[in-house]
Amino acid sequence: MVFGSLGSFLILVGGIWLIIVAIQTGQNTGEKVLWALVNFLCQPLGGIIFFIVKRQGLVPLILVIVGCILTGFGVPSMFEDLKRAVPK
């Protein structure tokens, strides 16, 4: 449960940070909106593509990736908690 919560928090913080970086590094309004939407809708893949193309946002991308890994570790424990909560 702790891993899933911490992972979700890291994904949220990293995702917001990536959106801010995308808005700050865009050349024009269309590019800013495009990268912000890509980072908002397609994490972590959008963040990876953004980093490869723009060479910006490595630290928030690492936060998102670590958050995804921690969330993956938290899912099995969440299901164990759900199985215990269901009456037999």
N, C-alpha and C. Protein backbone atom coordinates (compact mmCIF):
# COMPACT_ATOMS: atom_id res chain seq x y z
N MET A 1 0.82 -1.19 0.00
CA MET A 1 0.00 0.00 0.00
C MET A 1 0.86 1.26 0.00
N VAL A 2 1.97 1.23 0.75
CA VAL A 2 2.83 2.39 0.83
C VAL A 2 3.52 2.64 -0.52
N PHE A 3 3.96 1.57 -1.18
CA PHE A 3 4.64 1.73 -2.47
C PHE A 3 3.70 2.35 -3.50
N GLY A 4 2.48 1.88 -3.54
CA GLY A 4 1.51 2.40 -4.51
C GLY A 4 1.21 3.87 -4.27
N SER A 5 1.05 4.26 -3.01
CA SER A 5 0.76 5.66 -2.70
C SER A 5 1.95 6.55 -3.02
N LEU A 6 3.13 6.12 -2.63
CA LEU A 6 4.33 6.91 -2.92
C LEU A 6 4.57 7.00 -4.42
N GLY A 7 4.35 5.89 -5.14
CA GLY A 7 4.52 5.89 -6.59
C GLY A 7 3.53 6.82 -7.27
N SER A 8 2.29 6.81 -6.83
CA SER A 8 1.29 7.71 -7.41
C SER A 8 1.64 9.16 -7.16
N PHE A 9 2.13 9.45 -5.97
CA PHE A 9 2.55 10.82 -5.65
C PHE A 9 3.71 11.26 -6.54
N LEU A 10 4.69 10.38 -6.74
CA LEU A 10 5.83 10.72 -7.60
C LEU A 10 5.39 10.93 -9.05
N ILE A 11 4.46 10.12 -9.54
CA ILE A 11 3.94 10.30 -10.89
C ILE A 11 3.25 11.65 -11.01
N LEU A 12 2.46 12.02 -10.01
CA LEU A 12 1.76 13.30 -10.03
C LEU A 12 2.73 14.47 -10.04
N VAL A 13 3.70 14.45 -9.14
CA VAL A 13 4.68 15.54 -9.06
C VAL A 13 5.52 15.61 -10.33
N GLY A 14 6.03 14.48 -10.79
CA GLY A 14 6.84 14.46 -12.00
C GLY A 14 6.06 14.88 -13.23
N GLY A 15 4.80 14.45 -13.32
CA GLY A 15 3.96 14.82 -14.45
C GLY A 15 3.68 16.31 -14.50
N ILE A 16 3.35 16.90 -13.35
CA ILE A 16 3.11 18.35 -13.31
C ILE A 16 4.39 19.09 -13.65
N TRP A 17 5.51 18.63 -13.12
CA TRP A 17 6.80 19.26 -13.40
C TRP A 17 7.13 19.19 -14.89
N LEU A 18 6.87 18.04 -15.51
CA LEU A 18 7.12 17.90 -16.95
C LEU A 18 6.22 18.84 -17.77
N ILE A 19 4.98 19.00 -17.35
CA ILE A 19 4.09 19.93 -18.06
C ILE A 19 4.62 21.35 -17.96
N ILE A 20 5.09 21.74 -16.79
CA ILE A 20 5.64 23.08 -16.61
C ILE A 20 6.88 23.27 -17.48
N VAL A 21 7.77 22.28 -17.49
CA VAL A 21 8.98 22.36 -18.33
C VAL A 21 8.59 22.45 -19.80
N ALA A 22 7.59 21.69 -20.22
CA ALA A 22 7.14 21.71 -21.62
C ALA A 22 6.61 23.09 -22.00
N ILE A 23 5.87 23.70 -21.10
CA ILE A 23 5.34 25.04 -21.38
C ILE A 23 6.46 26.07 -21.43
N GLN A 24 7.45 25.94 -20.57
CA GLN A 24 8.55 26.90 -20.53
C GLN A 24 9.49 26.77 -21.72
N THR A 25 9.62 25.58 -22.28
CA THR A 25 10.60 25.39 -23.36
C THR A 25 10.00 25.49 -24.76
N GLY A 26 8.69 25.63 -24.87
CA GLY A 26 8.07 25.70 -26.19
C GLY A 26 8.41 27.00 -26.91
N GLN A 27 8.55 26.93 -28.24
CA GLN A 27 8.90 28.11 -29.03
C GLN A 27 7.68 29.00 -29.26
N ASN A 28 6.53 28.40 -29.54
CA ASN A 28 5.32 29.18 -29.75
C ASN A 28 4.18 28.54 -28.97
N THR A 29 3.02 29.17 -29.01
CA THR A 29 1.90 28.69 -28.22
C THR A 29 1.46 27.29 -28.63
N GLY A 30 1.42 27.01 -29.93
CA GLY A 30 1.01 25.70 -30.39
C GLY A 30 1.92 24.60 -29.90
N GLU A 31 3.22 24.85 -29.95
CA GLU A 31 4.18 23.85 -29.48
C GLU A 31 4.06 23.65 -27.97
N LYS A 32 3.85 24.73 -27.24
CA LYS A 32 3.69 24.62 -25.79
C LYS A 32 2.47 23.77 -25.44
N VAL A 33 1.35 24.04 -26.11
CA VAL A 33 0.12 23.29 -25.85
C VAL A 33 0.30 21.82 -26.24
N LEU A 34 0.93 21.57 -27.39
CA LEU A 34 1.14 20.20 -27.84
C LEU A 34 1.95 19.40 -26.83
N TRP A 35 3.09 19.93 -26.40
CA TRP A 35 3.93 19.19 -25.46
C TRP A 35 3.26 19.06 -24.10
N ALA A 36 2.51 20.08 -23.69
CA ALA A 36 1.80 19.98 -22.41
C ALA A 36 0.76 18.86 -22.47
N LEU A 37 0.02 18.77 -23.57
CA LEU A 37 -0.98 17.71 -23.72
C LEU A 37 -0.34 16.32 -23.80
N VAL A 38 0.75 16.22 -24.54
CA VAL A 38 1.46 14.93 -24.63
C VAL A 38 1.91 14.49 -23.25
N ASN A 39 2.47 15.41 -22.48
CA ASN A 39 2.94 15.05 -21.14
C ASN A 39 1.79 14.79 -20.19
N PHE A 40 0.66 15.43 -20.40
CA PHE A 40 -0.49 15.22 -19.53
C PHE A 40 -1.18 13.88 -19.81
N LEU A 41 -1.33 13.55 -21.07
CA LEU A 41 -2.12 12.38 -21.45
C LEU A 41 -1.33 11.08 -21.57
N CYS A 42 -0.05 11.15 -21.79
CA CYS A 42 0.71 9.94 -22.16
C CYS A 42 1.93 9.71 -21.27
N GLN A 43 1.75 9.74 -19.97
CA GLN A 43 2.89 9.47 -19.10
C GLN A 43 3.07 7.98 -18.95
N PRO A 44 4.26 7.45 -18.87
CA PRO A 44 5.57 8.06 -18.97
C PRO A 44 6.11 8.16 -20.40
N LEU A 45 5.41 7.56 -21.35
CA LEU A 45 5.89 7.56 -22.73
C LEU A 45 6.02 8.99 -23.28
N GLY A 46 5.06 9.84 -22.98
CA GLY A 46 5.13 11.23 -23.44
C GLY A 46 6.34 11.96 -22.88
N GLY A 47 6.67 11.69 -21.62
CA GLY A 47 7.85 12.30 -21.02
C GLY A 47 9.14 11.81 -21.65
N ILE A 48 9.18 10.53 -21.99
CA ILE A 48 10.37 9.98 -22.64
C ILE A 48 10.56 10.61 -24.02
N ILE A 49 9.47 10.72 -24.78
CA ILE A 49 9.56 11.34 -26.12
C ILE A 49 9.95 12.80 -25.99
N PHE A 50 9.37 13.50 -25.01
CA PHE A 50 9.71 14.91 -24.80
C PHE A 50 11.19 15.06 -24.48
N PHE A 51 11.72 14.19 -23.63
CA PHE A 51 13.14 14.29 -23.28
C PHE A 51 14.03 14.00 -24.48
N ILE A 52 13.67 13.01 -25.28
CA ILE A 52 14.50 12.67 -26.45
C ILE A 52 14.50 13.82 -27.46
N VAL A 53 13.34 14.43 -27.67
CA VAL A 53 13.24 15.50 -28.68
C VAL A 53 13.83 16.81 -28.17
N LYS A 54 13.51 17.19 -26.94
CA LYS A 54 13.89 18.51 -26.43
C LYS A 54 15.14 18.52 -25.55
N ARG A 55 15.55 17.38 -25.07
CA ARG A 55 16.68 17.29 -24.14
C ARG A 55 16.45 18.16 -22.89
N GLN A 56 15.22 18.15 -22.42
CA GLN A 56 14.82 18.89 -21.22
C GLN A 56 14.00 17.97 -20.32
N GLY A 57 14.02 18.21 -19.03
CA GLY A 57 13.13 17.51 -18.11
C GLY A 57 13.58 16.14 -17.67
N LEU A 58 14.88 15.93 -17.49
CA LEU A 58 15.36 14.61 -17.08
C LEU A 58 14.93 14.27 -15.65
N VAL A 59 15.05 15.21 -14.73
CA VAL A 59 14.72 14.92 -13.33
C VAL A 59 13.23 14.59 -13.16
N PRO A 60 12.30 15.39 -13.72
CA PRO A 60 10.90 14.99 -13.57
C PRO A 60 10.57 13.68 -14.30
N LEU A 61 11.26 13.41 -15.40
CA LEU A 61 11.05 12.13 -16.09
C LEU A 61 11.48 10.97 -15.20
N ILE A 62 12.59 11.12 -14.52
CA ILE A 62 13.05 10.07 -13.60
C ILE A 62 12.05 9.88 -12.47
N LEU A 63 11.47 10.98 -11.96
CA LEU A 63 10.44 10.87 -10.93
C LEU A 63 9.24 10.06 -11.42
N VAL A 64 8.81 10.33 -12.65
CA VAL A 64 7.66 9.61 -13.21
C VAL A 64 7.99 8.13 -13.38
N ILE A 65 9.17 7.82 -13.88
CA ILE A 65 9.55 6.42 -14.09
C ILE A 65 9.66 5.67 -12.76
N VAL A 66 10.30 6.29 -11.77
CA VAL A 66 10.40 5.67 -10.45
C VAL A 66 9.01 5.50 -9.84
N GLY A 67 8.15 6.50 -10.04
CA GLY A 67 6.78 6.39 -9.54
C GLY A 67 6.03 5.24 -10.17
N CYS A 68 6.22 5.04 -11.48
CA CYS A 68 5.57 3.91 -12.15
C CYS A 68 6.07 2.58 -11.60
N ILE A 69 7.35 2.49 -11.36
CA ILE A 69 7.93 1.26 -10.81
C ILE A 69 7.38 0.99 -9.40
N LEU A 70 7.35 2.03 -8.55
CA LEU A 70 6.83 1.85 -7.20
C LEU A 70 5.35 1.51 -7.21
N THR A 71 4.60 2.12 -8.11
CA THR A 71 3.18 1.80 -8.20
C THR A 71 3.00 0.35 -8.62
N GLY A 72 3.84 -0.14 -9.52
CA GLY A 72 3.79 -1.54 -9.92
C GLY A 72 4.07 -2.48 -8.77
N PHE A 73 4.98 -2.09 -7.87
CA PHE A 73 5.24 -2.91 -6.70
C PHE A 73 4.09 -2.85 -5.71
N GLY A 74 3.35 -1.75 -5.70
CA GLY A 74 2.24 -1.59 -4.76
C GLY A 74 0.97 -2.30 -5.17
N VAL A 75 0.82 -2.63 -6.44
CA VAL A 75 -0.43 -3.26 -6.91
C VAL A 75 -0.67 -4.63 -6.27
N PRO A 76 0.32 -5.53 -6.22
CA PRO A 76 0.05 -6.83 -5.58
C PRO A 76 -0.37 -6.70 -4.11
N SER A 77 0.24 -5.79 -3.37
CA SER A 77 -0.15 -5.64 -1.97
C SER A 77 -1.55 -5.06 -1.87
N MET A 78 -1.96 -4.23 -2.82
CA MET A 78 -3.31 -3.69 -2.83
C MET A 78 -4.32 -4.83 -3.02
N PHE A 79 -4.03 -5.75 -3.94
CA PHE A 79 -4.93 -6.87 -4.16
C PHE A 79 -4.99 -7.79 -2.95
N GLU A 80 -3.88 -7.95 -2.25
CA GLU A 80 -3.90 -8.75 -1.02
C GLU A 80 -4.79 -8.10 0.03
N ASP A 81 -4.72 -6.78 0.16
CA ASP A 81 -5.58 -6.07 1.10
C ASP A 81 -7.05 -6.24 0.71
N LEU A 82 -7.34 -6.19 -0.58
CA LEU A 82 -8.73 -6.35 -1.05
C LEU A 82 -9.24 -7.76 -0.77
N LYS A 83 -8.38 -8.77 -0.97
CA LYS A 83 -8.81 -10.15 -0.71
C LYS A 83 -9.10 -10.35 0.76
N ARG A 84 -8.33 -9.73 1.64
CA ARG A 84 -8.58 -9.85 3.07
C ARG A 84 -9.85 -9.12 3.49
N ALA A 85 -10.19 -8.03 2.79
CA ALA A 85 -11.36 -7.23 3.16
C ALA A 85 -12.67 -7.86 2.71
N VAL A 86 -12.62 -8.71 1.70
CA VAL A 86 -13.85 -9.34 1.19
C VAL A 86 -14.26 -10.47 2.13
N PRO A 87 -15.53 -10.45 2.58
CA PRO A 87 -15.97 -11.54 3.46
C PRO A 87 -16.06 -12.86 2.71
N LYS A 88 -15.80 -13.94 3.42
CA LYS A 88 -15.79 -15.27 2.80
C LYS A 88 -17.15 -15.90 2.82
